[in-house]
C-alpha atoms as a PDB file:
ATOM      1  CA  PRO A   1      -3.042  15.606   4.634  1.00  0.00           C
ATOM      2  CA  GLN A   2      -6.343  14.904   6.806  1.00  0.00           C
ATOM      3  CA  GLN A   3      -3.626  13.832   9.742  1.00  0.00           C
ATOM      4  CA  TRP A   4      -3.346  17.300  11.399  1.00  0.00           C
ATOM      5  CA  LEU A   5      -6.921  17.395  11.006  1.00  0.00           C
ATOM      6  CA  VAL A   6      -7.594  13.768  13.427  1.00  0.00           C
ATOM      7  CA  ASP A   7      -4.937  16.312  15.512  1.00  0.00           C
ATOM      8  CA  LEU A   8      -6.407  18.577  15.933  1.00  0.00           C
ATOM      9  CA  ALA A   9      -9.746  17.647  16.307  1.00  0.00           C
ATOM     10  CA  GLY A  10      -8.436  15.516  19.533  1.00  0.00           C
ATOM     11  CA  LEU A  11      -7.150  18.746  21.530  1.00  0.00           C
ATOM     12  CA  GLU A  12     -10.624  19.804  20.393  1.00  0.00           C
ATOM     13  CA  GLU A  13     -12.497  17.361  21.730  1.00  0.00           C
ATOM     14  CA  LEU A  14      -9.506  17.084  25.244  1.00  0.00           C
ATOM     15  CA  GLN A  15     -10.484  21.408  25.182  1.00  0.00           C
ATOM     16  CA  GLY A  16     -14.031  20.493  25.887  1.00  0.00           C
ATOM     17  CA  ASN A  17     -14.622  22.541  21.924  1.00  0.00           C
ATOM     18  CA  TYR A  18     -16.643  19.331  20.598  1.00  0.00           C
ATOM     19  CA  ASP A  19     -18.443  21.664  18.128  1.00  0.00           C
ATOM     20  CA  ALA A  20     -15.187  22.603  16.546  1.00  0.00           C
ATOM     21  CA  ALA A  21     -13.834  18.688  17.136  1.00  0.00           C
ATOM     22  CA  GLU A  22     -16.097  17.507  14.892  1.00  0.00           C
ATOM     23  CA  LYS A  23     -15.666  19.826  12.026  1.00  0.00           C
ATOM     24  CA  ASN A  24     -12.054  18.699  11.812  1.00  0.00           C
ATOM     25  CA  TYR A  25     -12.829  15.277  11.869  1.00  0.00           C
ATOM     26  CA  ARG A  26     -15.906  15.964   8.807  1.00  0.00           C
ATOM     27  CA  ALA A  27     -13.341  17.444   7.648  1.00  0.00           C
ATOM     28  CA  ALA A  28     -10.521  14.981   8.326  1.00  0.00           C
ATOM     29  CA  LEU A  29     -13.155  11.886   6.633  1.00  0.00           C
ATOM     30  CA  HIS A  30     -14.139  14.721   3.503  1.00  0.00           C
ATOM     31  CA  GLN A  31     -10.609  14.193   2.291  1.00  0.00           C
ATOM     32  CA  ALA A  32     -10.148  10.725   3.282  1.00  0.00           C
ATOM     33  CA  SER A  33     -13.359   8.250   3.692  1.00  0.00           C
ATOM     34  CA  ASP A  34     -11.591   5.760   4.950  1.00  0.00           C
ATOM     35  CA  HIS A  35      -9.286   7.498   8.375  1.00  0.00           C
ATOM     36  CA  VAL A  36     -10.541   4.746  10.160  1.00  0.00           C
ATOM     37  CA  VAL A  37      -9.117   6.818  13.304  1.00  0.00           C
ATOM     38  CA  ALA A  38     -11.580   9.337  11.817  1.00  0.00           C
ATOM     39  CA  LEU A  39     -14.556   7.473  12.020  1.00  0.00           C
ATOM     40  CA  ASN A  40     -14.074   6.226  15.630  1.00  0.00           C
ATOM     41  CA  ASN A  41     -13.668   9.119  17.433  1.00  0.00           C
ATOM     42  CA  LEU A  42     -16.315  10.766  15.183  1.00  0.00           C
ATOM     43  CA  ALA A  43     -18.535   8.258  16.048  1.00  0.00           C
ATOM     44  CA  PHE A  44     -17.401   8.319  19.614  1.00  0.00           C
ATOM     45  CA  LEU A  45     -17.598  11.800  19.641  1.00  0.00           C
ATOM     46  CA  LEU A  46     -20.766  11.472  18.739  1.00  0.00           C
ATOM     47  CA  ALA A  47     -22.572   8.607  21.370  1.00  0.00           C
ATOM     48  CA  LEU A  48     -20.813  10.785  24.119  1.00  0.00           C
ATOM     49  CA  GLN A  49     -23.651  13.371  22.887  1.00  0.00           C
ATOM     50  CA  ASN A  50     -25.934  11.467  22.559  1.00  0.00           C
ATOM     51  CA  ARG A  51     -26.289  12.591  19.067  1.00  0.00           C
ATOM     52  CA  ASP A  52     -26.911  11.842  15.635  1.00  0.00           C
ATOM     53  CA  LEU A  53     -26.139   8.694  16.620  1.00  0.00           C
ATOM     54  CA  THR A  54     -27.618   7.255  13.513  1.00  0.00           C
ATOM     55  CA  SER A  55     -24.711   8.777  11.492  1.00  0.00           C
ATOM     56  CA  ALA A  56     -22.226   7.094  14.540  1.00  0.00           C
ATOM     57  CA  ALA A  57     -23.579   3.916  13.617  1.00  0.00           C
ATOM     58  CA  GLU A  58     -22.244   3.987   9.855  1.00  0.00           C
ATOM     59  CA  PHE A  59     -19.096   6.033  10.665  1.00  0.00           C
ATOM     60  CA  ILE A  60     -18.368   3.281  13.438  1.00  0.00           C
ATOM     61  CA  ASP A  61     -19.390  -0.074  11.127  1.00  0.00           C
ATOM     62  CA  LYS A  62     -17.510   1.792   8.452  1.00  0.00           C
ATOM     63  CA  ALA A  63     -14.209   1.356  10.787  1.00  0.00           C
ATOM     64  CA  VAL A  64     -14.802  -2.419  11.607  1.00  0.00           C
ATOM     65  CA  ALA A  65     -15.354  -3.205   7.980  1.00  0.00           C
ATOM     66  CA  LEU A  66     -12.405  -1.197   7.209  1.00  0.00           C
ATOM     67  CA  ALA A  67      -9.726  -2.477  10.159  1.00  0.00           C
ATOM     68  CA  GLY A  68     -11.483  -5.895  12.087  1.00  0.00           C
ATOM     69  CA  PRO A  69     -12.956  -5.938  15.307  1.00  0.00           C
ATOM     70  CA  THR A  70     -10.240  -4.375  17.176  1.00  0.00           C
ATOM     71  CA  PRO A  71     -11.691  -3.477  21.102  1.00  0.00           C
ATOM     72  CA  ALA A  72     -10.692   0.055  19.888  1.00  0.00           C
ATOM     73  CA  LEU A  73     -13.375   0.369  17.248  1.00  0.00           C
ATOM     74  CA  LEU A  74     -15.683  -2.859  19.841  1.00  0.00           C
ATOM     75  CA  ASP A  75     -15.779  -0.774  22.269  1.00  0.00           C
ATOM     76  CA  THR A  76     -17.132   2.082  20.464  1.00  0.00           C
ATOM     77  CA  ARG A  77     -19.821   0.520  18.948  1.00  0.00           C
ATOM     78  CA  ALA A  78     -20.769  -0.379  22.325  1.00  0.00           C
ATOM     79  CA  ARG A  79     -21.535   3.047  23.046  1.00  0.00           C
ATOM     80  CA  VAL A  80     -22.744   3.739  20.262  1.00  0.00           C
ATOM     81  CA  ALA A  81     -25.386   1.085  20.283  1.00  0.00           C
ATOM     82  CA  LEU A  82     -25.858   2.150  24.438  1.00  0.00           C
ATOM     83  CA  ALA A  83     -26.733   6.073  23.201  1.00  0.00           C
ATOM     84  CA  GLN A  84     -29.388   4.118  20.729  1.00  0.00           C
ATOM     85  CA  GLU A  85     -30.432   2.407  24.064  1.00  0.00           C
ATOM     86  CA  ARG A  86     -30.026  -1.071  22.187  1.00  0.00           C
ATOM     87  CA  LEU A  87     -28.720  -2.891  24.994  1.00  0.00           C
ATOM     88  CA  ASP A  88     -28.138  -6.832  22.907  1.00  0.00           C
ATOM     89  CA  SER A  89     -25.603  -4.739  20.308  1.00  0.00           C
ATOM     90  CA  ALA A  90     -23.754  -3.730  23.148  1.00  0.00           C
ATOM     91  CA  ARG A  91     -22.745  -6.603  24.630  1.00  0.00           C
ATOM     92  CA  GLY A  92     -21.957  -8.179  21.773  1.00  0.00           C
END
């Protein structure tokens, strides 16, 4: 049931409607807190906007814990670390 929210959030993000995208990613996570794509995408979106970086780090850390260190998740983790100005963490 939450996949449609993730899909809608992705469309909103593509259209530049970042607040709506964030709302839909959070709604998806409210239904399924272990949805790796929603965790990753929300963390990336927050980092891109330099907003709520503590939550962004928590989201991406949870995604990596659930799915392992995939390239997409590590990319988001680096993006969050850069937004937090943690350059050593961003390098790996």
